Amino acid sequence: MGGRDVAVDTPDELAAMRTPTLLIHGRDDKVIPVSSSRQLAEQIPGARLEVIPECGHWVQIEKTDEFISLVSEFLGEDGS
């Protein structure tokens, strides 16, 4: 099918990324450990990691307002 999963990117591929990157991760995620996002944030130049307290795997559902605020700010939207 030709699709790719970020998990297969090599450290060199991640280090070569130049796309602004926002990672949002729930601190209490039981599905994917927050260490995975920390590692990605360290490997992607200029990546921004936001770890959301009292939140599990579904940040966009569990902390909708905070998620929307972070994404809007990252995209340069002011909500007006």
PDB file of N, CA and C in Angstrom:
ATOM      1  N   MET A   1       0.808  -1.193   0.000  1.00  0.00           N
ATOM      2  CA  MET A   1       0.000   0.000   0.000  1.00  0.00           C
ATOM      3  C   MET A   1       0.859   1.269   0.000  1.00  0.00           C
ATOM      4  N   GLY A   2       2.108   1.177   0.410  1.00  0.00           N
ATOM      5  CA  GLY A   2       2.996   2.309   0.314  1.00  0.00           C
ATOM      6  C   GLY A   2       2.995   3.243   1.511  1.00  0.00           C
ATOM      7  N   GLY A   3       2.150   3.004   2.504  1.00  0.00           N
ATOM      8  CA  GLY A   3       2.110   3.878   3.675  1.00  0.00           C
ATOM      9  C   GLY A   3       3.308   3.662   4.568  1.00  0.00           C
ATOM     10  N   ARG A   4       3.616   4.672   5.407  1.00  0.00           N
ATOM     11  CA  ARG A   4       4.733   4.558   6.332  1.00  0.00           C
ATOM     12  C   ARG A   4       4.259   4.899   7.716  1.00  0.00           C
ATOM     13  N   ASP A   5       4.885   4.295   8.682  1.00  0.00           N
ATOM     14  CA  ASP A   5       4.629   4.552  10.088  1.00  0.00           C
ATOM     15  C   ASP A   5       5.845   5.268  10.642  1.00  0.00           C
ATOM     16  N   VAL A   6       5.635   6.331  11.438  1.00  0.00           N
ATOM     17  CA  VAL A   6       6.762   7.083  11.989  1.00  0.00           C
ATOM     18  C   VAL A   6       7.706   6.171  12.767  1.00  0.00           C
ATOM     19  N   ALA A   7       7.190   5.070  13.301  1.00  0.00           N
ATOM     20  CA  ALA A   7       8.016   4.160  14.091  1.00  0.00           C
ATOM     21  C   ALA A   7       9.121   3.518  13.260  1.00  0.00           C
ATOM     22  N   VAL A   8       9.012   3.538  11.926  1.00  0.00           N
ATOM     23  CA  VAL A   8      10.048   2.924  11.101  1.00  0.00           C
ATOM     24  C   VAL A   8      11.092   3.932  10.632  1.00  0.00           C
ATOM     25  N   ASP A   9      10.882   5.212  10.936  1.00  0.00           N
ATOM     26  CA  ASP A   9      11.889   6.204  10.577  1.00  0.00           C
ATOM     27  C   ASP A   9      13.154   5.960  11.380  1.00  0.00           C
ATOM     28  N   THR A  10      14.275   6.077  10.711  1.00  0.00           N
ATOM     29  CA  THR A  10      15.553   5.891  11.386  1.00  0.00           C
ATOM     30  C   THR A  10      15.948   7.180  12.098  1.00  0.00           C
ATOM     31  N   PRO A  11      16.857   7.102  13.057  1.00  0.00           N
ATOM     32  CA  PRO A  11      17.338   8.326  13.698  1.00  0.00           C
ATOM     33  C   PRO A  11      17.869   9.348  12.691  1.00  0.00           C
ATOM     34  N   ASP A  12      18.538   8.880  11.641  1.00  0.00           N
ATOM     35  CA  ASP A  12      19.039   9.804  10.615  1.00  0.00           C
ATOM     36  C   ASP A  12      17.902  10.492   9.873  1.00  0.00           C
ATOM     37  N   GLU A  13      16.826   9.748   9.567  1.00  0.00           N
ATOM     38  CA  GLU A  13      15.671  10.341   8.896  1.00  0.00           C
ATOM     39  C   GLU A  13      14.993  11.375   9.790  1.00  0.00           C
ATOM     40  N   LEU A  14      14.856  11.054  11.066  1.00  0.00           N
ATOM     41  CA  LEU A  14      14.252  12.001  12.003  1.00  0.00           C
ATOM     42  C   LEU A  14      15.116  13.252  12.143  1.00  0.00           C
ATOM     43  N   ALA A  15      16.423  13.076  12.223  1.00  0.00           N
ATOM     44  CA  ALA A  15      17.346  14.205  12.356  1.00  0.00           C
ATOM     45  C   ALA A  15      17.319  15.103  11.119  1.00  0.00           C
ATOM     46  N   ALA A  16      16.935  14.552   9.979  1.00  0.00           N
ATOM     47  CA  ALA A  16      16.898  15.320   8.733  1.00  0.00           C
ATOM     48  C   ALA A  16      15.577  16.076   8.545  1.00  0.00           C
ATOM     49  N   MET A  17      14.601  15.824   9.400  1.00  0.00           N
ATOM     50  CA  MET A  17      13.304  16.490   9.261  1.00  0.00           C
ATOM     51  C   MET A  17      13.445  17.989   9.464  1.00  0.00           C
ATOM     52  N   ARG A  18      12.751  18.750   8.638  1.00  0.00           N
ATOM     53  CA  ARG A  18      12.766  20.205   8.753  1.00  0.00           C
ATOM     54  C   ARG A  18      11.353  20.763   8.884  1.00  0.00           C
ATOM     55  N   THR A  19      10.390  19.890   9.031  1.00  0.00           N
ATOM     56  CA  THR A  19       9.002  20.285   9.187  1.00  0.00           C
ATOM     57  C   THR A  19       8.734  20.627  10.651  1.00  0.00           C
ATOM     58  N   PRO A  20       8.118  21.785  10.931  1.00  0.00           N
ATOM     59  CA  PRO A  20       7.761  22.082  12.324  1.00  0.00           C
ATOM     60  C   PRO A  20       6.911  20.942  12.892  1.00  0.00           C
ATOM     61  N   THR A  21       7.269  20.498  14.072  1.00  0.00           N
ATOM     62  CA  THR A  21       6.638  19.315  14.648  1.00  0.00           C
ATOM     63  C   THR A  21       6.182  19.575  16.073  1.00  0.00           C
ATOM     64  N   LEU A  22       4.906  19.294  16.321  1.00  0.00           N
ATOM     65  CA  LEU A  22       4.331  19.373  17.657  1.00  0.00           C
ATOM     66  C   LEU A  22       3.932  17.970  18.080  1.00  0.00           C
ATOM     67  N   LEU A  23       4.447  17.531  19.201  1.00  0.00           N
ATOM     68  CA  LEU A  23       4.079  16.245  19.774  1.00  0.00           C
ATOM     69  C   LEU A  23       3.272  16.522  21.035  1.00  0.00           C
ATOM     70  N   ILE A  24       2.096  15.910  21.141  1.00  0.00           N
ATOM     71  CA  ILE A  24       1.260  16.060  22.327  1.00  0.00           C
ATOM     72  C   ILE A  24       1.028  14.668  22.892  1.00  0.00           C
ATOM     73  N   HIS A  25       1.351  14.491  24.176  1.00  0.00           N
ATOM     74  CA  HIS A  25       1.288  13.165  24.776  1.00  0.00           C
ATOM     75  C   HIS A  25       0.689  13.251  26.173  1.00  0.00           C
ATOM     76  N   GLY A  26      -0.214  12.354  26.481  1.00  0.00           N
ATOM     77  CA  GLY A  26      -0.764  12.271  27.823  1.00  0.00           C
ATOM     78  C   GLY A  26       0.251  11.641  28.771  1.00  0.00           C
ATOM     79  N   ARG A  27       0.493  12.300  29.895  1.00  0.00           N
ATOM     80  CA  ARG A  27       1.486  11.802  30.852  1.00  0.00           C
ATOM     81  C   ARG A  27       1.141  10.400  31.361  1.00  0.00           C
ATOM     82  N   ASP A  28      -0.154  10.101  31.467  1.00  0.00           N
ATOM     83  CA  ASP A  28      -0.574   8.821  32.034  1.00  0.00           C
ATOM     84  C   ASP A  28      -0.985   7.811  30.971  1.00  0.00           C
ATOM     85  N   ASP A  29      -0.495   7.982  29.749  1.00  0.00           N
ATOM     86  CA  ASP A  29      -0.804   7.074  28.636  1.00  0.00           C
ATOM     87  C   ASP A  29      -0.331   5.666  28.973  1.00  0.00           C
ATOM     88  N   LYS A  30      -1.254   4.708  28.962  1.00  0.00           N
ATOM     89  CA  LYS A  30      -0.927   3.305  29.247  1.00  0.00           C
ATOM     90  C   LYS A  30      -0.718   2.502  27.959  1.00  0.00           C
ATOM     91  N   VAL A  31      -0.963   3.125  26.801  1.00  0.00           N
ATOM     92  CA  VAL A  31      -0.833   2.444  25.514  1.00  0.00           C
ATOM     93  C   VAL A  31       0.560   2.660  24.929  1.00  0.00           C
ATOM     94  N   ILE A  32       0.982   3.914  24.884  1.00  0.00           N
ATOM     95  CA  ILE A  32       2.304   4.273  24.355  1.00  0.00           C
ATOM     96  C   ILE A  32       3.002   5.099  25.434  1.00  0.00           C
ATOM     97  N   PRO A  33       4.140   4.661  25.901  1.00  0.00           N
ATOM     98  CA  PRO A  33       4.810   5.403  26.974  1.00  0.00           C
ATOM     99  C   PRO A  33       5.268   6.782  26.510  1.00  0.00           C
ATOM    100  N   VAL A  34       5.195   7.754  27.417  1.00  0.00           N
ATOM    101  CA  VAL A  34       5.602   9.120  27.107  1.00  0.00           C
ATOM    102  C   VAL A  34       7.072   9.179  26.687  1.00  0.00           C
ATOM    103  N   SER A  35       7.847   8.202  27.101  1.00  0.00           N
ATOM    104  CA  SER A  35       9.258   8.150  26.696  1.00  0.00           C
ATOM    105  C   SER A  35       9.400   8.060  25.177  1.00  0.00           C
ATOM    106  N   SER A  36       8.412   7.488  24.493  1.00  0.00           N
ATOM    107  CA  SER A  36       8.450   7.411  23.024  1.00  0.00           C
ATOM    108  C   SER A  36       8.414   8.803  22.411  1.00  0.00           C
ATOM    109  N   SER A  37       7.549   9.655  22.932  1.00  0.00           N
ATOM    110  CA  SER A  37       7.471  11.021  22.415  1.00  0.00           C
ATOM    111  C   SER A  37       8.684  11.841  22.830  1.00  0.00           C
ATOM    112  N   ARG A  38       9.194  11.586  24.020  1.00  0.00           N
ATOM    113  CA  ARG A  38      10.406  12.292  24.450  1.00  0.00           C
ATOM    114  C   ARG A  38      11.562  11.958  23.500  1.00  0.00           C
ATOM    115  N   GLN A  39      11.666  10.695  23.131  1.00  0.00           N
ATOM    116  CA  GLN A  39      12.733  10.272  22.221  1.00  0.00           C
ATOM    117  C   GLN A  39      12.564  10.932  20.849  1.00  0.00           C
ATOM    118  N   LEU A  40      11.340  10.957  20.339  1.00  0.00           N
ATOM    119  CA  LEU A  40      11.092  11.615  19.052  1.00  0.00           C
ATOM    120  C   LEU A  40      11.448  13.093  19.124  1.00  0.00           C
ATOM    121  N   ALA A  41      11.049  13.742  20.216  1.00  0.00           N
ATOM    122  CA  ALA A  41      11.321  15.173  20.376  1.00  0.00           C
ATOM    123  C   ALA A  41      12.822  15.461  20.404  1.00  0.00           C
ATOM    124  N   GLU A  42      13.583  14.543  20.950  1.00  0.00           N
ATOM    125  CA  GLU A  42      15.037  14.714  20.984  1.00  0.00           C
ATOM    126  C   GLU A  42      15.660  14.510  19.610  1.00  0.00           C
ATOM    127  N   GLN A  43      15.041  13.676  18.782  1.00  0.00           N
ATOM    128  CA  GLN A  43      15.621  13.332  17.488  1.00  0.00           C
ATOM    129  C   GLN A  43      15.192  14.264  16.358  1.00  0.00           C
ATOM    130  N   ILE A  44      14.029  14.918  16.498  1.00  0.00           N
ATOM    131  CA  ILE A  44      13.527  15.802  15.443  1.00  0.00           C
ATOM    132  C   ILE A  44      13.960  17.233  15.772  1.00  0.00           C
ATOM    133  N   PRO A  45      14.754  17.849  14.912  1.00  0.00           N
ATOM    134  CA  PRO A  45      15.236  19.210  15.190  1.00  0.00           C
ATOM    135  C   PRO A  45      14.088  20.198  15.426  1.00  0.00           C
ATOM    136  N   GLY A  46      14.159  20.912  16.531  1.00  0.00           N
ATOM    137  CA  GLY A  46      13.168  21.933  16.826  1.00  0.00           C
ATOM    138  C   GLY A  46      11.803  21.430  17.234  1.00  0.00           C
ATOM    139  N   ALA A  47      11.659  20.130  17.416  1.00  0.00           N
ATOM    140  CA  ALA A  47      10.355  19.589  17.799  1.00  0.00           C
ATOM    141  C   ALA A  47       9.939  20.132  19.161  1.00  0.00           C
ATOM    142  N   ARG A  48       8.652  20.303  19.306  1.00  0.00           N
ATOM    143  CA  ARG A  48       8.073  20.779  20.568  1.00  0.00           C
ATOM    144  C   ARG A  48       7.230  19.649  21.148  1.00  0.00           C
ATOM    145  N   LEU A  49       7.496  19.296  22.393  1.00  0.00           N
ATOM    146  CA  LEU A  49       6.736  18.251  23.079  1.00  0.00           C
ATOM    147  C   LEU A  49       5.933  18.874  24.201  1.00  0.00           C
ATOM    148  N   GLU A  50       4.649  18.589  24.208  1.00  0.00           N
ATOM    149  CA  GLU A  50       3.762  18.986  25.289  1.00  0.00           C
ATOM    150  C   GLU A  50       3.247  17.713  25.952  1.00  0.00           C
ATOM    151  N   VAL A  51       3.562  17.550  27.235  1.00  0.00           N
ATOM    152  CA  VAL A  51       3.086  16.405  28.004  1.00  0.00           C
ATOM    153  C   VAL A  51       1.957  16.904  28.891  1.00  0.00           C
ATOM    154  N   ILE A  52       0.790  16.304  28.734  1.00  0.00           N
ATOM    155  CA  ILE A  52      -0.411  16.763  29.406  1.00  0.00           C
ATOM    156  C   ILE A  52      -0.639  15.942  30.681  1.00  0.00           C
ATOM    157  N   PRO A  53      -0.643  16.610  31.842  1.00  0.00           N
ATOM    158  CA  PRO A  53      -0.860  15.891  33.107  1.00  0.00           C
ATOM    159  C   PRO A  53      -2.301  15.384  33.225  1.00  0.00           C
ATOM    160  N   GLU A  54      -2.456  14.358  34.030  1.00  0.00           N
ATOM    161  CA  GLU A  54      -3.777  13.766  34.285  1.00  0.00           C
ATOM    162  C   GLU A  54      -4.502  13.427  32.990  1.00  0.00           C
ATOM    163  N   CYS A  55      -3.763  12.824  32.062  1.00  0.00           N
ATOM    164  CA  CYS A  55      -4.318  12.497  30.751  1.00  0.00           C
ATOM    165  C   CYS A  55      -3.700  11.191  30.261  1.00  0.00           C
ATOM    166  N   GLY A  56      -4.545  10.369  29.642  1.00  0.00           N
ATOM    167  CA  GLY A  56      -4.089   9.098  29.101  1.00  0.00           C
ATOM    168  C   GLY A  56      -3.793   9.187  27.612  1.00  0.00           C
ATOM    169  N   HIS A  57      -4.213   8.159  26.889  1.00  0.00           N
ATOM    170  CA  HIS A  57      -3.868   7.998  25.473  1.00  0.00           C
ATOM    171  C   HIS A  57      -4.616   8.953  24.541  1.00  0.00           C
ATOM    172  N   TRP A  58      -5.837   9.330  24.881  1.00  0.00           N
ATOM    173  CA  TRP A  58      -6.683  10.094  23.969  1.00  0.00           C
ATOM    174  C   TRP A  58      -6.720  11.559  24.366  1.00  0.00           C
ATOM    175  N   VAL A  59      -5.596  12.257  24.201  1.00  0.00           N
ATOM    176  CA  VAL A  59      -5.504  13.661  24.602  1.00  0.00           C
ATOM    177  C   VAL A  59      -6.613  14.483  23.961  1.00  0.00           C
ATOM    178  N   GLN A  60      -6.869  14.287  22.691  1.00  0.00           N
ATOM    179  CA  GLN A  60      -7.852  15.085  21.976  1.00  0.00           C
ATOM    180  C   GLN A  60      -9.267  14.888  22.515  1.00  0.00           C
ATOM    181  N   ILE A  61      -9.516  13.791  23.201  1.00  0.00           N
ATOM    182  CA  ILE A  61     -10.828  13.521  23.790  1.00  0.00           C
ATOM    183  C   ILE A  61     -10.829  13.870  25.281  1.00  0.00           C
ATOM    184  N   GLU A  62      -9.781  13.459  25.984  1.00  0.00           N
ATOM    185  CA  GLU A  62      -9.716  13.656  27.433  1.00  0.00           C
ATOM    186  C   GLU A  62      -9.480  15.113  27.828  1.00  0.00           C
ATOM    187  N   LYS A  63      -8.725  15.832  27.024  1.00  0.00           N
ATOM    188  CA  LYS A  63      -8.376  17.228  27.314  1.00  0.00           C
ATOM    189  C   LYS A  63      -8.588  18.070  26.052  1.00  0.00           C
ATOM    190  N   THR A  64      -9.814  18.025  25.531  1.00  0.00           N
ATOM    191  CA  THR A  64     -10.138  18.640  24.247  1.00  0.00           C
ATOM    192  C   THR A  64      -9.733  20.114  24.171  1.00  0.00           C
ATOM    193  N   ASP A  65     -10.124  20.911  25.155  1.00  0.00           N
ATOM    194  CA  ASP A  65      -9.843  22.343  25.097  1.00  0.00           C
ATOM    195  C   ASP A  65      -8.346  22.620  25.083  1.00  0.00           C
ATOM    196  N   GLU A  66      -7.599  21.904  25.917  1.00  0.00           N
ATOM    197  CA  GLU A  66      -6.153  22.100  25.958  1.00  0.00           C
ATOM    198  C   GLU A  66      -5.518  21.665  24.638  1.00  0.00           C
ATOM    199  N   PHE A  67      -5.987  20.545  24.094  1.00  0.00           N
ATOM    200  CA  PHE A  67      -5.485  20.042  22.816  1.00  0.00           C
ATOM    201  C   PHE A  67      -5.711  21.073  21.709  1.00  0.00           C
ATOM    202  N   ILE A  68      -6.942  21.583  21.617  1.00  0.00           N
ATOM    203  CA  ILE A  68      -7.269  22.563  20.579  1.00  0.00           C
ATOM    204  C   ILE A  68      -6.428  23.818  20.749  1.00  0.00           C
ATOM    205  N   SER A  69      -6.256  24.258  21.967  1.00  0.00           N
ATOM    206  CA  SER A  69      -5.454  25.448  22.232  1.00  0.00           C
ATOM    207  C   SER A  69      -4.009  25.256  21.781  1.00  0.00           C
ATOM    208  N   LEU A  70      -3.410  24.115  22.122  1.00  0.00           N
ATOM    209  CA  LEU A  70      -2.025  23.845  21.737  1.00  0.00           C
ATOM    210  C   LEU A  70      -1.860  23.772  20.219  1.00  0.00           C
ATOM    211  N   VAL A  71      -2.768  23.062  19.568  1.00  0.00           N
ATOM    212  CA  VAL A  71      -2.672  22.915  18.114  1.00  0.00           C
ATOM    213  C   VAL A  71      -2.915  24.253  17.422  1.00  0.00           C
ATOM    214  N   SER A  72      -3.898  25.003  17.879  1.00  0.00           N
ATOM    215  CA  SER A  72      -4.186  26.313  17.282  1.00  0.00           C
ATOM    216  C   SER A  72      -3.006  27.249  17.427  1.00  0.00           C
ATOM    217  N   GLU A  73      -2.421  27.289  18.614  1.00  0.00           N
ATOM    218  CA  GLU A  73      -1.262  28.147  18.841  1.00  0.00           C
ATOM    219  C   GLU A  73      -0.104  27.715  17.959  1.00  0.00           C
ATOM    220  N   PHE A  74       0.124  26.413  17.842  1.00  0.00           N
ATOM    221  CA  PHE A  74       1.210  25.886  17.014  1.00  0.00           C
ATOM    222  C   PHE A  74       1.017  26.268  15.543  1.00  0.00           C
ATOM    223  N   LEU A  75      -0.221  26.246  15.094  1.00  0.00           N
ATOM    224  CA  LEU A  75      -0.526  26.573  13.701  1.00  0.00           C
ATOM    225  C   LEU A  75      -0.637  28.074  13.464  1.00  0.00           C
ATOM    226  N   GLY A  76      -0.502  28.853  14.543  1.00  0.00           N
ATOM    227  CA  GLY A  76      -0.525  30.296  14.413  1.00  0.00           C
ATOM    228  C   GLY A  76      -1.917  30.883  14.317  1.00  0.00           C
ATOM    229  N   GLU A  77      -2.897  30.134  14.804  1.00  0.00           N
ATOM    230  CA  GLU A  77      -4.276  30.613  14.773  1.00  0.00           C
ATOM    231  C   GLU A  77      -4.590  31.250  16.119  1.00  0.00           C
ATOM    232  N   ASP A  78      -5.317  32.362  16.100  1.00  0.00           N
ATOM    233  CA  ASP A  78      -5.654  33.035  17.346  1.00  0.00           C
ATOM    234  C   ASP A  78      -7.100  32.811  17.782  1.00  0.00           C
ATOM    235  N   GLY A  79      -7.840  31.998  17.017  1.00  0.00           N
ATOM    236  CA  GLY A  79      -9.202  31.672  17.388  1.00  0.00           C
ATOM    237  C   GLY A  79     -10.226  32.710  16.974  1.00  0.00           C
ATOM    238  N   SER A  80      -9.813  33.794  16.339  1.00  0.00           N
ATOM    239  CA  SER A  80     -10.800  34.813  15.926  1.00  0.00           C
ATOM    240  C   SER A  80     -11.163  34.672  14.464  1.00  0.00           C
TER     241      SER A  80
END
